[in-house]
Amino acid sequence: MKTTSKNNITPWVSITLLTALTVALTACVPTTPRLDANFGMAVNVAKAQQTVNPDASLNRNPVKVDGQVGDAMVDNYRESYIAPRPAGATGSGISFGTGNAATSGGVGR
């Protein structure tokens, strides 16, 4: 029968205690102190970069549009809900995957 001596138990106890102490101390450290300080900054910067006139709400002067242009704007607005354009037909000039890399100046020229 094998007996365990005090010398065999001591290294395992010390390793276990050191591991438990290390785990307990790392739980007290904040994991993302720098990230939390800047949380949401990217969204705020993107909004600021996309705003044409940040002081537009302070201008109380009415926008003057003549009758024909105003009528056309209202008609276009109403028609956009009656017969919406298909996806991708926004007229923004941006297309996805419709060009040929050899003719559009891309890789493979």
C-alpha atoms as a PDB file:
ATOM      1  CA  MET A   1       0.000   0.000   0.000  1.00  0.00           C
ATOM      2  CA  LYS A   2       1.321   3.387  -1.009  1.00  0.00           C
ATOM      3  CA  THR A   3       1.216   6.158   1.545  1.00  0.00           C
ATOM      4  CA  THR A   4       1.294   9.828   0.772  1.00  0.00           C
ATOM      5  CA  SER A   5       3.746  11.861   2.708  1.00  0.00           C
ATOM      6  CA  LYS A   6       3.603  15.515   3.608  1.00  0.00           C
ATOM      7  CA  ASN A   7       6.287  16.281   1.009  1.00  0.00           C
ATOM      8  CA  ASN A   8       4.128  14.884  -1.852  1.00  0.00           C
ATOM      9  CA  ILE A   9       1.011  16.910  -0.952  1.00  0.00           C
ATOM     10  CA  THR A  10       2.655  20.312  -0.434  1.00  0.00           C
ATOM     11  CA  PRO A  11       3.561  21.053  -4.111  1.00  0.00           C
ATOM     12  CA  TRP A  12       0.020  20.259  -5.297  1.00  0.00           C
ATOM     13  CA  VAL A  13      -1.562  22.384  -2.594  1.00  0.00           C
ATOM     14  CA  SER A  14       0.696  25.334  -3.386  1.00  0.00           C
ATOM     15  CA  ILE A  15       0.036  25.024  -7.141  1.00  0.00           C
ATOM     16  CA  THR A  16      -3.716  24.845  -6.532  1.00  0.00           C
ATOM     17  CA  LEU A  17      -3.657  27.842  -4.199  1.00  0.00           C
ATOM     18  CA  LEU A  18      -1.573  29.910  -6.643  1.00  0.00           C
ATOM     19  CA  THR A  19      -3.920  29.046  -9.502  1.00  0.00           C
ATOM     20  CA  ALA A  20      -7.000  29.944  -7.453  1.00  0.00           C
ATOM     21  CA  LEU A  21      -5.393  33.211  -6.317  1.00  0.00           C
ATOM     22  CA  THR A  22      -4.469  34.121  -9.904  1.00  0.00           C
ATOM     23  CA  VAL A  23      -7.992  33.458 -11.154  1.00  0.00           C
ATOM     24  CA  ALA A  24      -9.505  35.428  -8.274  1.00  0.00           C
ATOM     25  CA  LEU A  25      -7.258  38.453  -8.851  1.00  0.00           C
ATOM     26  CA  THR A  26      -7.855  38.570 -12.603  1.00  0.00           C
ATOM     27  CA  ALA A  27     -11.599  38.725 -11.973  1.00  0.00           C
ATOM     28  CA  CYS A  28     -11.116  42.117 -10.283  1.00  0.00           C
ATOM     29  CA  VAL A  29      -9.361  43.736 -13.250  1.00  0.00           C
ATOM     30  CA  PRO A  30     -11.547  45.548 -15.805  1.00  0.00           C
ATOM     31  CA  THR A  31     -11.134  43.895 -19.176  1.00  0.00           C
ATOM     32  CA  THR A  32     -11.733  46.867 -21.493  1.00  0.00           C
ATOM     33  CA  PRO A  33     -11.046  50.180 -19.762  1.00  0.00           C
ATOM     34  CA  ARG A  34      -9.990  52.001 -22.938  1.00  0.00           C
ATOM     35  CA  LEU A  35     -12.763  50.533 -25.072  1.00  0.00           C
ATOM     36  CA  ASP A  36     -15.481  51.451 -22.610  1.00  0.00           C
ATOM     37  CA  ALA A  37     -14.291  55.063 -22.470  1.00  0.00           C
ATOM     38  CA  ASN A  38     -14.732  55.415 -26.251  1.00  0.00           C
ATOM     39  CA  PHE A  39     -17.878  53.328 -26.624  1.00  0.00           C
ATOM     40  CA  GLY A  40     -20.128  54.790 -29.330  1.00  0.00           C
ATOM     41  CA  MET A  41     -17.500  57.220 -30.599  1.00  0.00           C
ATOM     42  CA  ALA A  42     -17.426  55.666 -34.088  1.00  0.00           C
ATOM     43  CA  VAL A  43     -21.187  56.110 -34.500  1.00  0.00           C
ATOM     44  CA  ASN A  44     -21.046  59.730 -33.367  1.00  0.00           C
ATOM     45  CA  VAL A  45     -18.156  60.496 -35.742  1.00  0.00           C
ATOM     46  CA  ALA A  46     -19.979  58.842 -38.657  1.00  0.00           C
ATOM     47  CA  LYS A  47     -23.138  60.853 -37.935  1.00  0.00           C
ATOM     48  CA  ALA A  48     -21.147  64.080 -37.774  1.00  0.00           C
ATOM     49  CA  GLN A  49     -19.385  63.327 -41.059  1.00  0.00           C
ATOM     50  CA  GLN A  50     -22.677  62.616 -42.840  1.00  0.00           C
ATOM     51  CA  THR A  51     -24.484  65.732 -41.632  1.00  0.00           C
ATOM     52  CA  VAL A  52     -24.417  68.431 -44.302  1.00  0.00           C
ATOM     53  CA  ASN A  53     -25.560  71.300 -42.099  1.00  0.00           C
ATOM     54  CA  PRO A  54     -25.524  70.586 -38.360  1.00  0.00           C
ATOM     55  CA  ASP A  55     -27.244  73.928 -37.634  1.00  0.00           C
ATOM     56  CA  ALA A  56     -30.145  73.369 -40.044  1.00  0.00           C
ATOM     57  CA  SER A  57     -32.676  73.062 -37.223  1.00  0.00           C
ATOM     58  CA  LEU A  58     -31.812  76.575 -36.050  1.00  0.00           C
ATOM     59  CA  ASN A  59     -32.877  78.133 -39.382  1.00  0.00           C
ATOM     60  CA  ARG A  60     -36.584  78.985 -39.025  1.00  0.00           C
ATOM     61  CA  ASN A  61     -36.971  80.558 -42.483  1.00  0.00           C
ATOM     62  CA  PRO A  62     -39.447  78.642 -44.649  1.00  0.00           C
ATOM     63  CA  VAL A  63     -38.157  76.916 -47.763  1.00  0.00           C
ATOM     64  CA  LYS A  64     -39.626  78.637 -50.792  1.00  0.00           C
ATOM     65  CA  VAL A  65     -40.733  76.362 -53.629  1.00  0.00           C
ATOM     66  CA  ASP A  66     -42.971  77.420 -56.508  1.00  0.00           C
ATOM     67  CA  GLY A  67     -46.278  75.657 -57.111  1.00  0.00           C
ATOM     68  CA  GLN A  68     -45.285  73.368 -59.983  1.00  0.00           C
ATOM     69  CA  VAL A  69     -42.152  72.086 -58.257  1.00  0.00           C
ATOM     70  CA  GLY A  70     -44.031  71.544 -55.000  1.00  0.00           C
ATOM     71  CA  ASP A  71     -46.795  69.666 -56.793  1.00  0.00           C
ATOM     72  CA  ALA A  72     -44.231  67.433 -58.526  1.00  0.00           C
ATOM     73  CA  MET A  73     -42.498  66.734 -55.211  1.00  0.00           C
ATOM     74  CA  VAL A  74     -45.751  65.685 -53.534  1.00  0.00           C
ATOM     75  CA  ASP A  75     -46.733  63.526 -56.526  1.00  0.00           C
ATOM     76  CA  ASN A  76     -43.343  61.768 -56.502  1.00  0.00           C
ATOM     77  CA  TYR A  77     -43.661  61.205 -52.772  1.00  0.00           C
ATOM     78  CA  ARG A  78     -47.106  59.632 -53.124  1.00  0.00           C
ATOM     79  CA  GLU A  79     -46.085  57.489 -56.100  1.00  0.00           C
ATOM     80  CA  SER A  80     -43.095  56.152 -54.198  1.00  0.00           C
ATOM     81  CA  TYR A  81     -45.520  54.395 -51.835  1.00  0.00           C
ATOM     82  CA  ILE A  82     -47.930  53.242 -54.526  1.00  0.00           C
ATOM     83  CA  ALA A  83     -45.305  51.741 -56.851  1.00  0.00           C
ATOM     84  CA  PRO A  84     -41.951  51.579 -55.037  1.00  0.00           C
ATOM     85  CA  ARG A  85     -38.809  51.177 -57.105  1.00  0.00           C
ATOM     86  CA  PRO A  86     -37.213  47.728 -57.131  1.00  0.00           C
ATOM     87  CA  ALA A  87     -34.196  47.220 -54.919  1.00  0.00           C
ATOM     88  CA  GLY A  88     -31.005  48.450 -56.508  1.00  0.00           C
ATOM     89  CA  ALA A  89     -32.779  51.038 -58.674  1.00  0.00           C
ATOM     90  CA  THR A  90     -32.036  53.972 -56.419  1.00  0.00           C
ATOM     91  CA  GLY A  91     -30.274  56.007 -59.075  1.00  0.00           C
ATOM     92  CA  SER A  92     -27.332  56.666 -56.792  1.00  0.00           C
ATOM     93  CA  GLY A  93     -24.801  55.470 -59.345  1.00  0.00           C
ATOM     94  CA  ILE A  94     -23.585  52.662 -57.125  1.00  0.00           C
ATOM     95  CA  SER A  95     -23.790  49.151 -58.490  1.00  0.00           C
ATOM     96  CA  PHE A  96     -22.702  45.899 -56.936  1.00  0.00           C
ATOM     97  CA  GLY A  97     -21.090  43.143 -58.964  1.00  0.00           C
ATOM     98  CA  THR A  98     -22.267  44.266 -62.371  1.00  0.00           C
ATOM     99  CA  GLY A  99     -18.954  45.371 -63.880  1.00  0.00           C
ATOM    100  CA  ASN A 100     -16.190  43.456 -65.576  1.00  0.00           C
ATOM    101  CA  ALA A 101     -12.820  43.807 -63.881  1.00  0.00           C
ATOM    102  CA  ALA A 102     -11.016  43.801 -67.241  1.00  0.00           C
ATOM    103  CA  THR A 103     -12.971  46.809 -68.534  1.00  0.00           C
ATOM    104  CA  SER A 104     -13.600  48.770 -65.345  1.00  0.00           C
ATOM    105  CA  GLY A 105      -9.955  49.317 -64.450  1.00  0.00           C
ATOM    106  CA  GLY A 106      -9.867  46.697 -61.738  1.00  0.00           C
ATOM    107  CA  VAL A 107      -7.586  43.723 -61.240  1.00  0.00           C
ATOM    108  CA  GLY A 108      -6.995  41.598 -64.288  1.00  0.00           C
ATOM    109  CA  ARG A 109      -6.559  44.442 -66.691  1.00  0.00           C
END
